[in-house]
Amino acid sequence: MKFDEWLNNYMNNPACDEPRLTVQLKRAWDAAEKNLKPDGQVQLEQRVSQQTALRKFVDDEMTEIDKDERFHYKPATVFENAPLAMIQVAMETRMQLLKEFKSRLSG
């Protein structure tokens, strides 16, 4: 399955719990896709450039999550600290989505 098909399937999945990030990824993909020209070597170079830009976006997002100290706290429970637990779950979900995105982009 091509990356753009995977992303569309993920975005249309009712279990998608990080819709804001998937919309950002889709916009980045579409913007890069729009700049491609139907010209053999030029298209290949642009595709590499597109993937490099998307990898940078993903790496920047992963770095932001990793820098947040709450991501490294002991996992909170809803009974101890509900707001922190919700933040940690969202961060973990976002990190997993970014890792999946990066692996699909590379493969």
N, C-alpha and C. Protein backbone atom coordinates (compact mmCIF):
# COMPACT_ATOMS: atom_id res chain seq x y z
N MET A 1 0.84 -1.18 0.00
CA MET A 1 0.00 0.00 0.00
C MET A 1 0.89 1.24 0.00
N LYS A 2 0.56 2.17 -0.86
CA LYS A 2 1.33 3.40 -0.94
C LYS A 2 1.05 4.24 0.30
N PHE A 3 2.02 5.11 0.61
CA PHE A 3 1.90 5.91 1.82
C PHE A 3 0.64 6.76 1.83
N ASP A 4 0.33 7.43 0.72
CA ASP A 4 -0.84 8.30 0.71
C ASP A 4 -2.13 7.50 0.90
N GLU A 5 -2.19 6.26 0.40
CA GLU A 5 -3.35 5.40 0.63
C GLU A 5 -3.45 5.03 2.11
N TRP A 6 -2.30 4.69 2.70
CA TRP A 6 -2.29 4.35 4.12
C TRP A 6 -2.79 5.52 4.96
N LEU A 7 -2.30 6.74 4.66
CA LEU A 7 -2.70 7.92 5.42
C LEU A 7 -4.19 8.18 5.27
N ASN A 8 -4.71 8.07 4.07
CA ASN A 8 -6.15 8.26 3.86
C ASN A 8 -6.96 7.23 4.62
N ASN A 9 -6.52 5.97 4.58
CA ASN A 9 -7.22 4.92 5.33
C ASN A 9 -7.19 5.21 6.83
N TYR A 10 -6.02 5.66 7.31
CA TYR A 10 -5.89 5.96 8.74
C TYR A 10 -6.80 7.12 9.14
N MET A 11 -6.82 8.16 8.30
CA MET A 11 -7.64 9.34 8.62
C MET A 11 -9.13 9.00 8.61
N ASN A 12 -9.55 8.07 7.77
CA ASN A 12 -10.96 7.71 7.67
C ASN A 12 -11.37 6.63 8.65
N ASN A 13 -10.43 6.15 9.43
CA ASN A 13 -10.71 5.12 10.42
C ASN A 13 -11.37 5.77 11.63
N PRO A 14 -12.53 5.27 12.05
CA PRO A 14 -13.21 5.87 13.21
C PRO A 14 -12.38 5.77 14.50
N ALA A 15 -11.41 4.86 14.53
CA ALA A 15 -10.57 4.71 15.72
C ALA A 15 -9.40 5.70 15.72
N CYS A 16 -9.30 6.52 14.70
CA CYS A 16 -8.21 7.50 14.62
C CYS A 16 -8.33 8.46 15.79
N ASP A 17 -7.37 8.40 16.70
CA ASP A 17 -7.47 9.22 17.90
C ASP A 17 -6.53 10.42 17.87
N GLU A 18 -5.93 10.70 16.74
CA GLU A 18 -5.06 11.87 16.62
C GLU A 18 -5.38 12.57 15.30
N PRO A 19 -6.63 13.05 15.14
CA PRO A 19 -7.04 13.63 13.85
C PRO A 19 -6.28 14.89 13.48
N ARG A 20 -5.90 15.71 14.46
CA ARG A 20 -5.20 16.96 14.14
C ARG A 20 -3.85 16.67 13.49
N LEU A 21 -3.12 15.70 14.03
CA LEU A 21 -1.82 15.35 13.46
C LEU A 21 -1.98 14.75 12.07
N THR A 22 -2.97 13.87 11.88
CA THR A 22 -3.14 13.27 10.56
C THR A 22 -3.50 14.32 9.53
N VAL A 23 -4.25 15.33 9.92
CA VAL A 23 -4.56 16.41 8.99
C VAL A 23 -3.29 17.19 8.65
N GLN A 24 -2.43 17.44 9.63
CA GLN A 24 -1.17 18.13 9.38
C GLN A 24 -0.29 17.30 8.43
N LEU A 25 -0.22 16.00 8.66
CA LEU A 25 0.58 15.13 7.81
C LEU A 25 0.02 15.10 6.39
N LYS A 26 -1.31 15.03 6.28
CA LYS A 26 -1.95 15.01 4.96
C LYS A 26 -1.68 16.31 4.21
N ARG A 27 -1.77 17.44 4.91
CA ARG A 27 -1.49 18.72 4.26
C ARG A 27 -0.04 18.81 3.80
N ALA A 28 0.89 18.33 4.63
CA ALA A 28 2.30 18.34 4.23
C ALA A 28 2.52 17.45 3.02
N TRP A 29 1.89 16.29 3.00
CA TRP A 29 2.01 15.37 1.87
C TRP A 29 1.43 16.01 0.61
N ASP A 30 0.23 16.58 0.72
CA ASP A 30 -0.43 17.18 -0.45
C ASP A 30 0.36 18.36 -1.00
N ALA A 31 0.91 19.18 -0.10
CA ALA A 31 1.70 20.34 -0.55
C ALA A 31 2.94 19.87 -1.31
N ALA A 32 3.59 18.85 -0.79
CA ALA A 32 4.77 18.32 -1.47
C ALA A 32 4.38 17.64 -2.78
N GLU A 33 3.26 16.95 -2.79
CA GLU A 33 2.79 16.25 -3.99
C GLU A 33 2.44 17.25 -5.10
N LYS A 34 1.88 18.39 -4.73
CA LYS A 34 1.48 19.40 -5.70
C LYS A 34 2.69 19.97 -6.45
N ASN A 35 3.85 19.99 -5.82
CA ASN A 35 5.04 20.55 -6.42
C ASN A 35 5.77 19.59 -7.37
N LEU A 36 5.30 18.36 -7.46
CA LEU A 36 5.95 17.38 -8.33
C LEU A 36 5.59 17.65 -9.79
N LYS A 37 6.57 17.48 -10.66
CA LYS A 37 6.35 17.65 -12.11
C LYS A 37 6.46 16.28 -12.78
N PRO A 38 5.66 16.05 -13.83
CA PRO A 38 5.70 14.74 -14.50
C PRO A 38 6.90 14.61 -15.44
N ASP A 39 8.09 14.63 -14.88
CA ASP A 39 9.30 14.63 -15.68
C ASP A 39 10.28 13.65 -15.05
N GLY A 40 10.53 12.50 -15.65
CA GLY A 40 11.40 11.43 -15.16
C GLY A 40 12.33 11.75 -14.00
N GLN A 41 13.55 12.22 -14.30
CA GLN A 41 14.57 12.46 -13.28
C GLN A 41 14.16 13.57 -12.33
N VAL A 42 13.55 14.62 -12.88
CA VAL A 42 13.12 15.73 -12.03
C VAL A 42 12.10 15.24 -11.02
N GLN A 43 11.18 14.38 -11.46
CA GLN A 43 10.16 13.85 -10.55
C GLN A 43 10.81 13.03 -9.44
N LEU A 44 11.82 12.22 -9.79
CA LEU A 44 12.51 11.42 -8.78
C LEU A 44 13.20 12.32 -7.76
N GLU A 45 13.87 13.35 -8.22
CA GLU A 45 14.54 14.29 -7.31
C GLU A 45 13.53 15.00 -6.43
N GLN A 46 12.39 15.37 -7.00
CA GLN A 46 11.37 16.04 -6.22
C GLN A 46 10.75 15.11 -5.20
N ARG A 47 10.58 13.83 -5.57
CA ARG A 47 10.02 12.85 -4.64
C ARG A 47 10.96 12.67 -3.45
N VAL A 48 12.27 12.62 -3.72
CA VAL A 48 13.25 12.52 -2.64
C VAL A 48 13.19 13.77 -1.77
N SER A 49 13.07 14.93 -2.40
CA SER A 49 12.96 16.19 -1.67
C SER A 49 11.69 16.20 -0.80
N GLN A 50 10.60 15.69 -1.36
CA GLN A 50 9.34 15.62 -0.63
C GLN A 50 9.50 14.73 0.60
N GLN A 51 10.10 13.57 0.41
CA GLN A 51 10.27 12.65 1.53
C GLN A 51 11.20 13.24 2.58
N THR A 52 12.22 13.96 2.15
CA THR A 52 13.13 14.60 3.10
C THR A 52 12.40 15.65 3.93
N ALA A 53 11.55 16.43 3.28
CA ALA A 53 10.78 17.45 4.00
C ALA A 53 9.81 16.80 4.99
N LEU A 54 9.18 15.72 4.59
CA LEU A 54 8.25 15.03 5.49
C LEU A 54 8.98 14.38 6.65
N ARG A 55 10.16 13.79 6.38
CA ARG A 55 10.96 13.20 7.48
C ARG A 55 11.36 14.28 8.48
N LYS A 56 11.75 15.46 7.97
CA LYS A 56 12.12 16.56 8.85
C LYS A 56 10.94 16.97 9.71
N PHE A 57 9.75 17.06 9.11
CA PHE A 57 8.54 17.40 9.86
C PHE A 57 8.30 16.38 10.97
N VAL A 58 8.39 15.10 10.63
CA VAL A 58 8.16 14.03 11.60
C VAL A 58 9.21 14.09 12.70
N ASP A 59 10.48 14.24 12.32
CA ASP A 59 11.55 14.31 13.32
C ASP A 59 11.37 15.50 14.26
N ASP A 60 10.97 16.64 13.71
CA ASP A 60 10.72 17.82 14.54
C ASP A 60 9.59 17.58 15.53
N GLU A 61 8.52 16.96 15.06
CA GLU A 61 7.38 16.65 15.93
C GLU A 61 7.79 15.67 17.04
N MET A 62 8.57 14.64 16.67
CA MET A 62 9.02 13.65 17.66
C MET A 62 9.95 14.30 18.68
N THR A 63 10.78 15.22 18.24
CA THR A 63 11.69 15.93 19.14
C THR A 63 10.90 16.77 20.13
N GLU A 64 9.86 17.43 19.64
CA GLU A 64 9.02 18.25 20.53
C GLU A 64 8.39 17.40 21.63
N ILE A 65 7.89 16.24 21.27
CA ILE A 65 7.28 15.36 22.26
C ILE A 65 8.34 14.87 23.24
N ASP A 66 9.49 14.48 22.71
CA ASP A 66 10.56 13.95 23.55
C ASP A 66 11.09 15.00 24.52
N LYS A 67 11.07 16.27 24.13
CA LYS A 67 11.56 17.34 25.01
C LYS A 67 10.60 17.62 26.17
N ASP A 68 9.35 17.28 26.00
CA ASP A 68 8.35 17.54 27.06
C ASP A 68 8.59 16.56 28.21
N GLU A 69 8.87 17.10 29.39
CA GLU A 69 9.21 16.24 30.52
C GLU A 69 8.05 15.34 30.94
N ARG A 70 6.81 15.75 30.67
CA ARG A 70 5.66 14.92 31.04
C ARG A 70 5.67 13.58 30.30
N PHE A 71 6.29 13.55 29.13
CA PHE A 71 6.36 12.31 28.35
C PHE A 71 7.21 11.28 29.07
N HIS A 72 8.15 11.73 29.90
CA HIS A 72 9.09 10.83 30.58
C HIS A 72 8.71 10.54 32.03
N TYR A 73 7.63 11.16 32.50
CA TYR A 73 7.15 10.87 33.85
C TYR A 73 6.65 9.43 33.92
N LYS A 74 6.60 8.92 35.15
CA LYS A 74 5.96 7.62 35.39
C LYS A 74 4.51 7.76 34.90
N PRO A 75 4.00 6.78 34.16
CA PRO A 75 2.63 6.89 33.66
C PRO A 75 1.62 7.11 34.78
N ALA A 76 0.82 8.15 34.61
CA ALA A 76 -0.20 8.49 35.61
C ALA A 76 -1.46 7.67 35.32
N THR A 77 -2.25 7.51 36.35
CA THR A 77 -3.55 6.86 36.16
C THR A 77 -4.63 7.92 36.26
N VAL A 78 -5.78 7.59 35.77
CA VAL A 78 -6.90 8.53 35.81
C VAL A 78 -7.30 8.82 37.24
N PHE A 79 -7.07 7.88 38.15
CA PHE A 79 -7.47 8.06 39.54
C PHE A 79 -6.50 8.95 40.31
N GLU A 80 -5.22 8.95 39.93
CA GLU A 80 -4.22 9.79 40.62
C GLU A 80 -4.20 11.21 40.06
N ASN A 81 -4.12 11.28 38.73
CA ASN A 81 -3.93 12.58 38.08
C ASN A 81 -4.50 12.48 36.66
N ALA A 82 -5.80 12.67 36.55
CA ALA A 82 -6.49 12.48 35.28
C ALA A 82 -5.94 13.38 34.15
N PRO A 83 -5.72 14.68 34.41
CA PRO A 83 -5.22 15.51 33.31
C PRO A 83 -3.86 15.03 32.78
N LEU A 84 -2.95 14.67 33.68
CA LEU A 84 -1.65 14.17 33.26
C LEU A 84 -1.79 12.85 32.49
N ALA A 85 -2.66 11.98 32.97
CA ALA A 85 -2.87 10.70 32.29
C ALA A 85 -3.36 10.93 30.87
N MET A 86 -4.28 11.86 30.69
CA MET A 86 -4.80 12.14 29.35
C MET A 86 -3.72 12.73 28.45
N ILE A 87 -2.90 13.61 29.01
CA ILE A 87 -1.80 14.21 28.24
C ILE A 87 -0.81 13.14 27.82
N GLN A 88 -0.45 12.26 28.76
CA GLN A 88 0.51 11.21 28.46
C GLN A 88 -0.01 10.24 27.40
N VAL A 89 -1.28 9.90 27.48
CA VAL A 89 -1.87 9.01 26.48
C VAL A 89 -1.84 9.68 25.12
N ALA A 90 -2.19 10.96 25.06
CA ALA A 90 -2.17 11.69 23.79
C ALA A 90 -0.75 11.77 23.23
N MET A 91 0.22 12.02 24.09
CA MET A 91 1.60 12.11 23.63
C MET A 91 2.10 10.76 23.12
N GLU A 92 1.77 9.70 23.83
CA GLU A 92 2.19 8.36 23.42
C GLU A 92 1.54 7.98 22.09
N THR A 93 0.26 8.30 21.95
CA THR A 93 -0.45 8.02 20.70
C THR A 93 0.17 8.79 19.54
N ARG A 94 0.45 10.04 19.78
CA ARG A 94 1.06 10.88 18.75
C ARG A 94 2.44 10.34 18.35
N MET A 95 3.23 9.93 19.34
CA MET A 95 4.56 9.39 19.07
C MET A 95 4.44 8.10 18.26
N GLN A 96 3.51 7.23 18.61
CA GLN A 96 3.33 5.98 17.86
C GLN A 96 2.90 6.27 16.42
N LEU A 97 2.02 7.24 16.24
CA LEU A 97 1.58 7.60 14.89
C LEU A 97 2.75 8.15 14.07
N LEU A 98 3.57 8.99 14.68
CA LEU A 98 4.73 9.54 13.98
C LEU A 98 5.72 8.44 13.60
N LYS A 99 5.93 7.49 14.50
CA LYS A 99 6.84 6.37 14.19
C LYS A 99 6.28 5.53 13.04
N GLU A 100 4.98 5.27 13.07
CA GLU A 100 4.35 4.52 11.99
C GLU A 100 4.46 5.28 10.68
N PHE A 101 4.20 6.57 10.74
CA PHE A 101 4.30 7.44 9.56
C PHE A 101 5.71 7.38 8.98
N LYS A 102 6.71 7.48 9.85
CA LYS A 102 8.10 7.47 9.41
C LYS A 102 8.48 6.12 8.79
N SER A 103 8.01 5.03 9.39
CA SER A 103 8.32 3.72 8.81
C SER A 103 7.63 3.52 7.47
N ARG A 104 6.41 4.01 7.33
CA ARG A 104 5.71 3.91 6.04
C ARG A 104 6.37 4.77 4.98
N LEU A 105 6.87 5.91 5.41
CA LEU A 105 7.52 6.83 4.49
C LEU A 105 8.83 6.22 3.97
N SER A 106 9.53 5.52 4.85
CA SER A 106 10.81 4.91 4.47
C SER A 106 10.61 3.66 3.62
N GLY A 107 9.52 2.94 3.89
CA GLY A 107 9.30 1.66 3.22
C GLY A 107 8.56 1.72 1.96
